[in-house]
Amino acid sequence: MTETTLAVPHTPADLPTRIQHYIDGAFVDSADGDTFDVLEPVTNRTYLQAAAGKKADVDAAVAAARSAFTDGPWPRMLPRERSRVLHRIADLVESRDARLAELESFDSGLPITQALGQARRAAENFRFFADLIVAQTDDAFKVPGRQLNYVNRKPIGVAGLITPWNTPFMLESWKLGPALATGNTVVLKPAEFTPLSASLWAGIFEEAGLPAGVFNLVNGLGEEAGDALVKHPDVPLISFTGESSTGQLIFANAAPHLKGLSMELGGKSPAIVFEDADLEAAVDATIFGVFSLNGERCTAGSRILVQRSIYDEFVERYAAQATRVKVGYPHDPETEVGALVHPEHFAKVMSYVELGKSEGRLVAGGGRPEGFAEGNFVAPTVFADVPPTARIFQEEIFGPVVAITPFDTDAEALALANDTKYGLAAYLWTNDLTRAHNFSQAIEAGMVWLNSNNVRDLRTPFGGVKASGLGHEGGYRSIDFYTDQQAVHITLGEPHHPTFGKN
């Protein structure tokens, strides 16, 4: 039985009852006055209405962002000047981390301790790009006495940022930081399930001194506000994090305008545990890797492949530990798994739980945790003996559900690891150095962790292959995405070119 922490639901003080768009430095309602309901996931009650943006609202936001880019000071400021603003943003986020975490936890269902970590990472994202943009260097190529060639890096224009509902504030910062650092202006379309924390950016940016029009926010549904943003001819860049199927639509809708695209999409990441691995460390890491953030994480190691000689012991220890994971109300600091974000998503995850009972052997969880008759609570669920043809092996569930599958040889483990349309992350547990490097390089994944779990250096690229994404962000890759690299060629001696038409 999954251990629970029973308390009473918590509602933060001073919650808004409505959320507006933020366009050209002012909060505004939708042009047509339309709104949509926002639910909190513990009781699924409506706690506010948010402005429902459509094409007219996106048009207004893009016009403001475009004007701020062409006529405003932001793109023309020195990198050091923009860096100072970003550092002030980081300071403000850091100083308000407790309030941000409280609102994020209430809105998304994330455990409060994990939401606090995300708020602090958001501050670090801004601080990182504030430093990076000052240290940024570009290449110069010399042909002595004849030619000098150098790269002139320029902001591109209005960046459309479309963000998901899992860890929304941190993921927004991940895009906002480099987009603003490089001198672009932005229109942010946050996920409709979790608009609360996004609404705080406007006040933070104003206090930090960001000029009006540089940041704009339009709430709304993906098929309305998001679609209008992707199709807008004055938005040359789209950065999207979300489902692979939505990424395909964005790719198609952006194609006529030849937009720059960065898309971090879904995942079904393998964690491969060999017989020589530190078994305790592997169990601990793979428990955290799928059940943290309520299992609503793109890099979740939701397929665990275990060598047959240690398979039975691993499954027994894993299932026992999974049943001890603490499910509870999101605000409780003892909670390790909170409530899933929305009843629609809860229904999807529960449908996979029921499907898994016919595709694998249920060894932990399998339904609601005891004591939570309402809300979007799912007990950490573990299926063993899952064949690679099973849907719970192949499809992204995005919840606290894991499939465990045995293998015998290195070749079989590699085939199983690559037997999915996704390729975001992979985790490898072995003490064989040769195997570790050869195996990690053969896995079809954008990121591989060896004997560790999802510990990232912000300088490294983040992104996937296959159906898990297009392009990379992080470090200099983000700088590359949000800037044009213009090559400037200067002749230092006599011009050298063929001569036509003199004779």
Protein backbone atom coordinates (compact mmCIF):
# COMPACT_ATOMS: atom_id res chain seq x y z
CA MET A 1 0.00 0.00 0.00
CA THR A 2 1.40 3.38 -0.94
CA GLU A 3 2.25 5.43 2.12
CA THR A 4 0.32 8.68 2.29
CA THR A 5 0.66 11.89 4.23
CA LEU A 6 -2.80 12.94 5.27
CA ALA A 7 -3.42 16.61 5.88
CA VAL A 8 -5.96 19.10 4.68
CA PRO A 9 -5.90 20.90 1.32
CA HIS A 10 -4.18 24.26 1.36
CA THR A 11 -5.22 27.41 -0.48
CA PRO A 12 -2.63 30.21 -0.72
CA ALA A 13 -3.58 33.63 0.57
CA ASP A 14 -4.36 36.46 -1.85
CA LEU A 15 -5.13 34.29 -4.83
CA PRO A 16 -6.38 36.20 -7.86
CA THR A 17 -9.83 35.38 -9.20
CA ARG A 18 -8.95 36.41 -12.75
CA ILE A 19 -5.87 36.51 -14.95
CA GLN A 20 -5.46 38.89 -17.86
CA HIS A 21 -3.10 39.11 -20.79
CA TYR A 22 -0.08 41.41 -20.52
CA ILE A 23 0.49 43.41 -23.71
CA ASP A 24 2.75 46.42 -24.23
CA GLY A 25 3.24 46.98 -20.53
CA ALA A 26 -0.43 46.74 -19.48
CA PHE A 27 -2.81 44.05 -18.25
CA VAL A 28 -5.76 43.66 -20.62
CA ASP A 29 -8.76 41.42 -21.15
CA SER A 30 -9.32 39.46 -24.34
CA ALA A 31 -10.58 41.54 -27.24
CA ASP A 32 -13.83 39.56 -27.24
CA GLY A 33 -14.03 39.33 -23.42
CA ASP A 34 -13.82 35.53 -23.47
CA THR A 35 -12.38 33.58 -20.51
CA PHE A 36 -11.71 29.98 -19.54
CA ASP A 37 -11.82 28.17 -16.20
CA VAL A 38 -8.67 27.19 -14.34
CA LEU A 39 -8.87 24.26 -11.91
CA GLU A 40 -6.70 23.37 -8.95
CA PRO A 41 -5.84 19.65 -8.99
CA VAL A 42 -6.51 18.62 -5.39
CA THR A 43 -10.30 19.07 -5.60
CA ASN A 44 -10.66 20.00 -9.30
CA ARG A 45 -12.63 23.09 -8.37
CA THR A 46 -12.50 26.20 -10.54
CA TYR A 47 -10.57 28.88 -8.66
CA LEU A 48 -10.15 31.56 -11.33
CA GLN A 49 -11.00 32.63 -14.87
CA ALA A 50 -8.23 33.46 -17.29
CA ALA A 51 -8.52 35.61 -20.38
CA ALA A 52 -8.92 33.37 -23.42
CA GLY A 53 -6.64 34.76 -26.09
CA LYS A 54 -7.37 34.40 -29.78
CA LYS A 55 -5.96 35.79 -33.00
CA ALA A 56 -6.83 39.43 -32.22
CA ASP A 57 -5.02 39.25 -28.88
CA VAL A 58 -1.99 37.56 -30.40
CA ASP A 59 -1.94 40.21 -33.14
CA ALA A 60 -1.88 42.97 -30.52
CA ALA A 61 0.90 41.26 -28.54
CA VAL A 62 3.01 40.66 -31.62
CA ALA A 63 2.54 44.28 -32.75
CA ALA A 64 3.77 45.48 -29.35
CA ALA A 65 6.74 43.13 -29.40
CA ARG A 66 7.58 44.07 -32.97
CA SER A 67 7.48 47.79 -32.15
CA ALA A 68 9.69 47.26 -29.11
CA PHE A 69 12.16 45.40 -31.31
CA THR A 70 12.28 47.86 -34.21
CA ASP A 71 11.96 51.12 -32.28
CA GLY A 72 12.79 50.36 -28.63
CA PRO A 73 16.10 50.34 -26.79
CA TRP A 74 16.30 46.66 -25.83
CA PRO A 75 17.94 45.15 -28.95
CA ARG A 76 20.40 48.07 -29.13
CA MET A 77 21.54 47.93 -25.51
CA LEU A 78 25.04 46.69 -24.75
CA PRO A 79 25.16 43.07 -23.57
CA ARG A 80 26.33 44.29 -20.16
CA GLU A 81 23.25 46.54 -19.86
CA ARG A 82 20.89 43.69 -20.69
CA SER A 83 22.85 41.48 -18.31
CA ARG A 84 22.18 43.86 -15.42
CA VAL A 85 18.43 43.66 -16.05
CA LEU A 86 18.56 39.85 -16.18
CA HIS A 87 20.51 39.73 -12.92
CA ARG A 88 17.84 41.92 -11.30
CA ILE A 89 15.20 39.50 -12.60
CA ALA A 90 17.13 36.60 -11.06
CA ASP A 91 17.40 38.44 -7.74
CA LEU A 92 13.65 39.12 -7.69
CA VAL A 93 12.77 35.51 -8.53
CA GLU A 94 15.16 34.27 -5.86
CA SER A 95 13.73 36.63 -3.24
CA ARG A 96 10.19 35.41 -3.97
CA ASP A 97 10.94 31.71 -4.28
CA ALA A 98 8.67 30.67 -1.42
CA ARG A 99 5.64 32.50 -2.85
CA LEU A 100 6.37 31.29 -6.38
CA ALA A 101 6.66 27.71 -5.14
CA GLU A 102 3.43 28.00 -3.15
CA LEU A 103 1.49 29.20 -6.19
CA GLU A 104 3.14 26.69 -8.53
CA SER A 105 2.41 23.82 -6.19
CA PHE A 106 -1.23 24.88 -5.78
CA ASP A 107 -1.75 25.36 -9.53
CA SER A 108 0.09 22.30 -10.85
CA GLY A 109 -0.08 19.75 -8.03
CA LEU A 110 3.71 19.52 -7.70
CA PRO A 111 5.01 18.74 -4.21
CA ILE A 112 6.03 21.99 -2.54
CA THR A 113 9.64 20.94 -1.98
CA GLN A 114 10.06 20.15 -5.68
CA ALA A 115 8.27 23.36 -6.72
CA LEU A 116 10.69 25.32 -4.55
CA GLY A 117 13.60 23.72 -6.38
CA GLN A 118 12.06 24.74 -9.72
CA ALA A 119 11.69 28.36 -8.59
CA ARG A 120 15.36 28.48 -7.64
CA ARG A 121 16.34 26.93 -10.97
CA ALA A 122 14.35 29.65 -12.73
CA ALA A 123 16.48 32.30 -11.02
CA GLU A 124 19.63 30.40 -11.98
CA ASN A 125 18.53 30.22 -15.62
CA PHE A 126 18.37 34.02 -15.80
CA ARG A 127 21.66 34.40 -13.96
CA PHE A 128 23.36 31.92 -16.28
CA PHE A 129 22.32 33.72 -19.47
CA ALA A 130 23.05 37.12 -17.93
CA ASP A 131 26.64 35.98 -17.52
CA LEU A 132 26.85 34.11 -20.81
CA ILE A 133 25.76 37.02 -22.97
CA VAL A 134 28.56 39.19 -21.57
CA ALA A 135 31.15 36.44 -22.11
CA GLN A 136 29.87 35.63 -25.61
CA THR A 137 32.60 35.70 -28.27
CA ASP A 138 32.39 35.18 -32.01
CA ASP A 139 34.86 34.01 -34.60
CA ALA A 140 37.14 36.08 -36.78
CA PHE A 141 39.02 34.55 -39.71
CA LYS A 142 42.06 36.27 -41.19
CA VAL A 143 43.89 35.90 -44.48
CA PRO A 144 46.94 38.02 -43.59
CA GLY A 145 47.30 41.05 -45.79
CA ARG A 146 44.31 40.13 -47.92
CA GLN A 147 41.08 39.67 -46.02
CA LEU A 148 39.38 39.78 -42.62
CA ASN A 149 36.16 37.86 -42.00
CA TYR A 150 34.17 38.07 -38.79
CA VAL A 151 30.80 37.01 -37.40
CA ASN A 152 28.31 39.69 -36.40
CA ARG A 153 25.65 38.18 -34.15
CA LYS A 154 22.26 39.92 -34.13
CA PRO A 155 18.90 39.34 -32.38
CA ILE A 156 16.27 38.06 -34.79
CA GLY A 157 13.03 39.72 -33.72
CA VAL A 158 9.87 38.52 -31.97
CA ALA A 159 10.23 35.09 -30.37
CA GLY A 160 7.06 33.07 -29.79
CA LEU A 161 7.44 30.95 -26.65
CA ILE A 162 4.94 28.16 -26.01
CA THR A 163 5.42 26.40 -22.69
CA PRO A 164 3.95 23.29 -21.01
CA TRP A 165 2.13 22.76 -17.74
CA ASN A 166 4.76 20.64 -15.99
CA THR A 167 7.18 22.84 -14.01
CA PRO A 168 5.79 25.84 -15.94
CA PHE A 169 7.65 28.72 -14.24
CA MET A 170 11.07 27.09 -14.58
CA LEU A 171 10.49 26.07 -18.21
CA GLU A 172 9.30 29.59 -19.03
CA SER A 173 12.53 30.97 -17.58
CA TRP A 174 14.52 28.51 -19.69
CA LYS A 175 13.17 30.19 -22.83
CA LEU A 176 12.76 33.75 -21.58
CA GLY A 177 16.33 33.97 -20.28
CA PRO A 178 18.21 33.42 -23.57
CA ALA A 179 15.54 35.09 -25.75
CA LEU A 180 15.79 38.32 -23.74
CA ALA A 181 19.55 38.11 -23.14
CA THR A 182 20.22 38.11 -26.87
CA GLY A 183 18.07 41.22 -27.46
CA ASN A 184 14.87 39.71 -28.82
CA THR A 185 11.36 40.62 -27.74
CA VAL A 186 8.89 37.88 -26.82
CA VAL A 187 5.28 36.75 -26.76
CA LEU A 188 4.74 33.99 -24.19
CA LYS A 189 1.79 31.60 -24.47
CA PRO A 190 1.72 29.53 -21.25
CA ALA A 191 -0.16 26.26 -20.87
CA GLU A 192 -3.86 26.76 -20.19
CA PHE A 193 -3.84 24.24 -17.31
CA THR A 194 -1.31 26.28 -15.29
CA PRO A 195 -1.37 30.03 -16.02
CA LEU A 196 -0.96 31.22 -12.43
CA SER A 197 2.81 31.48 -12.06
CA ALA A 198 3.24 32.88 -15.59
CA SER A 199 1.11 35.84 -14.58
CA LEU A 200 3.84 36.86 -12.11
CA TRP A 201 6.45 37.53 -14.79
CA ALA A 202 5.00 40.93 -15.73
CA GLY A 203 5.51 42.43 -12.27
CA ILE A 204 8.98 40.93 -11.96
CA PHE A 205 10.04 42.30 -15.33
CA GLU A 206 8.60 45.75 -14.63
CA GLU A 207 10.41 45.97 -11.31
CA ALA A 208 13.67 44.82 -12.92
CA GLY A 209 13.45 47.57 -15.54
CA LEU A 210 12.59 45.64 -18.69
CA PRO A 211 11.19 48.14 -21.24
CA ALA A 212 7.48 47.97 -22.10
CA GLY A 213 6.65 45.75 -25.06
CA VAL A 214 9.72 43.56 -24.72
CA PHE A 215 7.71 40.93 -22.81
CA ASN A 216 4.11 40.12 -23.71
CA LEU A 217 1.88 37.33 -22.46
CA VAL A 218 -1.26 35.90 -24.05
CA ASN A 219 -3.20 33.20 -22.22
CA GLY A 220 -5.47 30.82 -24.04
CA LEU A 221 -5.97 27.43 -25.61
CA GLY A 222 -3.29 25.94 -27.82
CA GLU A 223 -5.59 25.54 -30.80
CA GLU A 224 -6.52 29.24 -30.64
CA ALA A 225 -3.81 31.42 -29.07
CA GLY A 226 -0.96 29.01 -29.73
CA ASP A 227 -2.03 28.40 -33.31
CA ALA A 228 -2.28 32.15 -34.02
CA LEU A 229 1.20 32.71 -32.59
CA VAL A 230 2.76 29.94 -34.70
CA LYS A 231 1.12 31.22 -37.89
CA HIS A 232 1.86 34.92 -37.34
CA PRO A 233 4.09 36.27 -40.14
CA ASP A 234 5.90 38.69 -37.81
CA VAL A 235 7.09 35.94 -35.44
CA PRO A 236 10.25 34.42 -36.98
CA LEU A 237 11.06 32.14 -34.04
CA ILE A 238 8.99 29.51 -32.20
CA SER A 239 10.33 27.68 -29.16
CA PHE A 240 7.95 24.95 -28.02
CA THR A 241 8.02 22.34 -25.27
CA GLY A 242 5.23 19.78 -25.23
CA GLU A 243 3.81 16.67 -26.83
CA SER A 244 5.25 15.23 -30.03
CA SER A 245 1.85 15.29 -31.76
CA THR A 246 1.52 19.02 -31.05
CA GLY A 247 5.06 19.51 -32.29
CA GLN A 248 4.09 17.95 -35.61
CA LEU A 249 1.24 20.46 -36.00
CA ILE A 250 3.52 23.36 -35.15
CA PHE A 251 6.09 22.12 -37.67
CA ALA A 252 3.45 22.01 -40.40
CA ASN A 253 1.91 25.40 -39.53
CA ALA A 254 5.31 27.12 -39.31
CA ALA A 255 6.57 25.69 -42.60
CA PRO A 256 4.94 28.24 -44.96
CA HIS A 257 6.78 31.03 -43.11
CA LEU A 258 10.10 29.13 -42.83
CA LYS A 259 10.31 29.96 -39.13
CA GLY A 260 13.14 28.99 -36.88
CA LEU A 261 11.96 26.12 -34.67
CA SER A 262 13.25 24.67 -31.43
CA MET A 263 11.03 21.88 -30.14
CA GLU A 264 11.60 19.73 -27.07
CA LEU A 265 8.98 17.02 -27.34
CA GLY A 266 7.96 13.78 -25.67
CA GLY A 267 10.03 10.95 -24.29
CA LYS A 268 9.93 7.31 -23.29
CA SER A 269 13.41 7.15 -21.86
CA PRO A 270 15.10 3.86 -20.95
CA ALA A 271 17.07 3.21 -17.78
CA ILE A 272 19.36 0.21 -18.37
CA VAL A 273 20.64 -1.62 -15.29
CA PHE A 274 23.43 -4.16 -15.80
CA GLU A 275 24.32 -6.91 -13.35
CA ASP A 276 27.53 -5.14 -12.28
CA ALA A 277 25.71 -1.93 -11.29
CA ASP A 278 25.44 -0.57 -7.76
CA LEU A 279 21.97 -2.00 -7.22
CA GLU A 280 20.96 0.26 -4.33
CA ALA A 281 21.98 3.39 -6.20
CA ALA A 282 20.21 2.19 -9.34
CA VAL A 283 16.97 1.51 -7.47
CA ASP A 284 17.08 4.88 -5.70
CA ALA A 285 17.82 6.80 -8.90
CA THR A 286 15.23 5.04 -11.04
CA ILE A 287 12.55 5.51 -8.35
CA PHE A 288 13.30 9.23 -8.33
CA GLY A 289 13.64 9.33 -12.10
CA VAL A 290 10.04 8.33 -12.75
CA PHE A 291 8.13 9.42 -9.65
CA SER A 292 9.60 12.89 -9.05
CA LEU A 293 7.54 15.77 -10.43
CA ASN A 294 4.56 13.37 -10.18
CA GLY A 295 5.98 11.48 -13.17
CA GLU A 296 5.06 14.47 -15.34
CA ARG A 297 8.53 14.96 -16.77
CA CYS A 298 9.75 14.53 -20.33
CA THR A 299 13.02 12.92 -19.25
CA ALA A 300 11.38 10.35 -16.94
CA GLY A 301 13.11 6.95 -17.09
CA SER A 302 9.79 5.20 -17.49
CA ARG A 303 11.18 2.05 -19.15
CA ILE A 304 13.58 0.19 -16.89
CA LEU A 305 15.59 -2.59 -18.56
CA VAL A 306 17.28 -4.94 -16.09
CA GLN A 307 19.75 -7.77 -16.77
CA ARG A 308 18.12 -11.11 -16.03
CA SER A 309 20.66 -12.27 -13.44
CA ILE A 310 19.57 -9.46 -11.08
CA TYR A 311 16.06 -8.98 -12.45
CA ASP A 312 14.03 -10.67 -9.71
CA GLU A 313 15.93 -8.93 -6.92
CA PHE A 314 15.64 -5.57 -8.65
CA VAL A 315 11.87 -5.92 -9.19
CA GLU A 316 11.31 -6.98 -5.58
CA ARG A 317 13.33 -4.09 -4.15
CA TYR A 318 11.89 -1.57 -6.61
CA ALA A 319 8.28 -2.54 -5.92
CA ALA A 320 8.80 -2.44 -2.15
CA GLN A 321 10.36 1.02 -2.31
CA ALA A 322 7.67 2.32 -4.69
CA THR A 323 4.99 1.40 -2.17
CA ARG A 324 6.78 3.55 0.42
CA VAL A 325 6.78 6.67 -1.75
CA LYS A 326 4.74 9.28 0.10
CA VAL A 327 1.64 10.49 -1.75
CA GLY A 328 0.06 13.57 -0.26
CA TYR A 329 -1.29 17.05 -0.67
CA PRO A 330 1.08 19.21 -2.70
CA HIS A 331 1.71 21.78 0.06
CA ASP A 332 2.86 19.15 2.59
CA PRO A 333 6.70 19.12 2.80
CA GLU A 334 6.60 15.35 3.41
CA THR A 335 4.87 14.72 0.08
CA GLU A 336 6.91 13.03 -2.66
CA VAL A 337 4.10 12.54 -5.22
CA GLY A 338 1.28 15.09 -5.32
CA ALA A 339 -1.74 15.47 -7.59
CA LEU A 340 -1.66 15.25 -11.37
CA VAL A 341 -2.29 18.56 -13.06
CA HIS A 342 -5.82 18.18 -14.46
CA PRO A 343 -8.70 15.68 -14.54
CA GLU A 344 -8.22 15.14 -18.28
CA HIS A 345 -4.62 14.11 -17.71
CA PHE A 346 -5.59 12.03 -14.68
CA ALA A 347 -8.06 10.09 -16.86
CA LYS A 348 -5.36 9.50 -19.47
CA VAL A 349 -2.86 8.17 -16.91
CA MET A 350 -5.47 5.96 -15.26
CA SER A 351 -6.39 4.50 -18.66
CA TYR A 352 -2.76 3.40 -19.05
CA VAL A 353 -2.79 1.94 -15.53
CA GLU A 354 -5.80 -0.20 -16.47
CA LEU A 355 -4.21 -1.15 -19.79
CA GLY A 356 -1.01 -2.15 -18.02
CA LYS A 357 -2.84 -4.72 -15.94
CA SER A 358 -3.33 -6.74 -19.12
CA GLU A 359 0.14 -6.03 -20.55
CA GLY A 360 2.39 -6.66 -17.56
CA ARG A 361 2.50 -7.94 -13.98
CA LEU A 362 1.33 -5.32 -11.49
CA VAL A 363 3.72 -5.27 -8.52
CA ALA A 364 2.91 -1.88 -6.94
CA GLY A 365 0.15 0.71 -7.03
CA GLY A 366 -2.46 0.35 -9.73
CA GLY A 367 -5.08 2.91 -8.71
CA ARG A 368 -5.87 5.72 -6.31
CA PRO A 369 -3.83 5.85 -3.10
CA GLU A 370 -5.71 5.19 0.11
CA GLY A 371 -7.27 8.28 1.65
CA PHE A 372 -7.65 10.29 -1.57
CA ALA A 373 -11.12 9.70 -2.92
CA GLU A 374 -11.12 12.92 -4.95
CA GLY A 375 -8.60 14.93 -6.88
CA ASN A 376 -6.02 13.73 -9.37
CA PHE A 377 -4.02 11.35 -7.18
CA VAL A 378 -2.41 8.21 -8.61
CA ALA A 379 -0.45 5.72 -6.54
CA PRO A 380 3.08 5.10 -7.86
CA THR A 381 2.49 2.15 -10.16
CA VAL A 382 4.99 -0.50 -11.24
CA PHE A 383 4.53 -3.16 -13.92
CA ALA A 384 7.06 -5.96 -14.36
CA ASP A 385 7.60 -8.47 -17.19
CA VAL A 386 6.44 -5.92 -19.76
CA PRO A 387 7.04 -7.01 -23.39
CA PRO A 388 8.42 -4.45 -25.86
CA THR A 389 5.21 -4.69 -27.91
CA ALA A 390 3.13 -3.37 -24.99
CA ARG A 391 1.68 0.10 -25.27
CA ILE A 392 2.90 0.93 -21.76
CA PHE A 393 6.42 0.14 -23.07
CA GLN A 394 6.06 2.20 -26.25
CA GLU A 395 3.86 5.20 -25.41
CA GLU A 396 4.50 8.22 -23.20
CA ILE A 397 2.24 8.06 -20.13
CA PHE A 398 3.57 11.18 -18.36
CA GLY A 399 2.58 10.04 -14.91
CA PRO A 400 3.85 7.93 -11.99
CA VAL A 401 3.81 4.67 -13.95
CA VAL A 402 6.84 2.55 -14.87
CA ALA A 403 7.43 -0.60 -16.95
CA ILE A 404 10.25 -3.04 -16.08
CA THR A 405 11.57 -5.49 -18.71
CA PRO A 406 14.36 -8.10 -18.50
CA PHE A 407 17.25 -8.58 -20.93
CA ASP A 408 20.11 -11.05 -21.25
CA THR A 409 22.85 -9.54 -23.43
CA ASP A 410 24.25 -6.12 -24.21
CA ALA A 411 22.94 -6.39 -27.75
CA GLU A 412 19.42 -7.18 -26.52
CA ALA A 413 19.53 -4.28 -24.06
CA LEU A 414 20.54 -1.88 -26.84
CA ALA A 415 17.79 -3.14 -29.14
CA LEU A 416 15.19 -2.72 -26.39
CA ALA A 417 16.49 0.73 -25.46
CA ASN A 418 16.17 1.93 -29.07
CA ASP A 419 12.84 0.18 -29.73
CA THR A 420 10.65 3.29 -29.50
CA LYS A 421 9.88 6.32 -31.63
CA TYR A 422 11.28 8.61 -28.93
CA GLY A 423 14.88 9.55 -28.24
CA LEU A 424 15.15 12.18 -25.53
CA ALA A 425 17.15 10.73 -22.65
CA ALA A 426 18.69 7.47 -21.45
CA TYR A 427 20.20 6.31 -18.16
CA LEU A 428 22.89 3.64 -17.91
CA TRP A 429 23.93 1.81 -14.77
CA THR A 430 27.16 -0.21 -14.99
CA ASN A 431 30.68 -0.22 -13.57
CA ASP A 432 32.21 -1.44 -16.84
CA LEU A 433 33.90 1.66 -18.31
CA THR A 434 34.22 0.26 -21.84
CA ARG A 435 30.59 -0.82 -21.93
CA ALA A 436 29.48 2.52 -20.47
CA HIS A 437 31.02 4.57 -23.27
CA ASN A 438 30.26 2.23 -26.15
CA PHE A 439 26.70 1.65 -25.04
CA SER A 440 25.93 5.30 -24.36
CA GLN A 441 27.18 6.31 -27.80
CA ALA A 442 25.03 3.64 -29.48
CA ILE A 443 21.79 4.66 -27.74
CA GLU A 444 19.45 6.76 -29.87
CA ALA A 445 18.98 9.58 -27.37
CA GLY A 446 19.90 13.24 -27.22
CA MET A 447 21.17 12.94 -23.64
CA VAL A 448 22.69 10.04 -21.70
CA TRP A 449 23.44 9.86 -18.00
CA LEU A 450 25.96 7.30 -16.72
CA ASN A 451 25.42 6.14 -13.15
CA SER A 452 23.48 9.31 -12.38
CA ASN A 453 20.05 10.78 -12.90
CA ASN A 454 19.22 13.97 -14.80
CA VAL A 455 21.87 16.18 -13.21
CA ARG A 456 22.45 18.94 -15.78
CA ASP A 457 25.09 21.53 -16.48
CA LEU A 458 23.38 24.51 -18.13
CA ARG A 459 26.26 24.81 -20.60
CA THR A 460 25.40 21.48 -22.24
CA PRO A 461 22.86 20.98 -25.05
CA PHE A 462 19.35 19.86 -24.11
CA GLY A 463 17.24 18.14 -26.74
CA GLY A 464 16.29 14.86 -28.33
CA VAL A 465 16.33 12.88 -31.54
CA LYS A 466 13.61 11.05 -33.48
CA ALA A 467 10.15 12.05 -32.19
CA SER A 468 11.63 13.73 -29.12
CA GLY A 469 12.57 17.01 -30.68
CA LEU A 470 14.08 19.33 -33.21
CA GLY A 471 17.17 21.35 -32.33
CA HIS A 472 18.83 21.90 -28.97
CA GLU A 473 18.73 24.57 -26.30
CA GLY A 474 21.04 25.26 -23.39
CA GLY A 475 24.26 27.23 -23.25
CA TYR A 476 25.60 28.45 -26.59
CA ARG A 477 22.95 26.42 -28.45
CA SER A 478 20.31 28.80 -27.07
CA ILE A 479 22.40 31.78 -28.13
CA ASP A 480 22.63 30.30 -31.63
CA PHE A 481 18.88 29.77 -31.85
CA TYR A 482 17.91 33.28 -30.77
CA THR A 483 20.44 35.11 -32.97
CA ASP A 484 21.37 35.45 -36.63
CA GLN A 485 25.04 34.94 -37.38
CA GLN A 486 25.99 37.39 -40.10
CA ALA A 487 29.33 36.90 -41.87
CA VAL A 488 31.13 40.15 -42.69
CA HIS A 489 33.98 40.02 -45.24
CA ILE A 490 36.52 42.86 -45.56
CA THR A 491 39.20 43.12 -48.23
CA LEU A 492 42.46 44.45 -46.77
CA GLY A 493 44.51 44.64 -49.97
CA GLU A 494 43.73 45.02 -53.61
CA PRO A 495 40.30 43.66 -54.56
CA HIS A 496 40.65 40.17 -55.98
CA HIS A 497 37.99 39.11 -58.43
CA PRO A 498 37.63 38.16 -62.08
CA THR A 499 37.04 41.02 -64.50
CA PHE A 500 34.19 40.77 -66.99
CA GLY A 501 33.32 43.02 -69.93
CA LYS A 502 36.42 45.22 -70.29
CA ASN A 503 37.42 43.87 -73.66
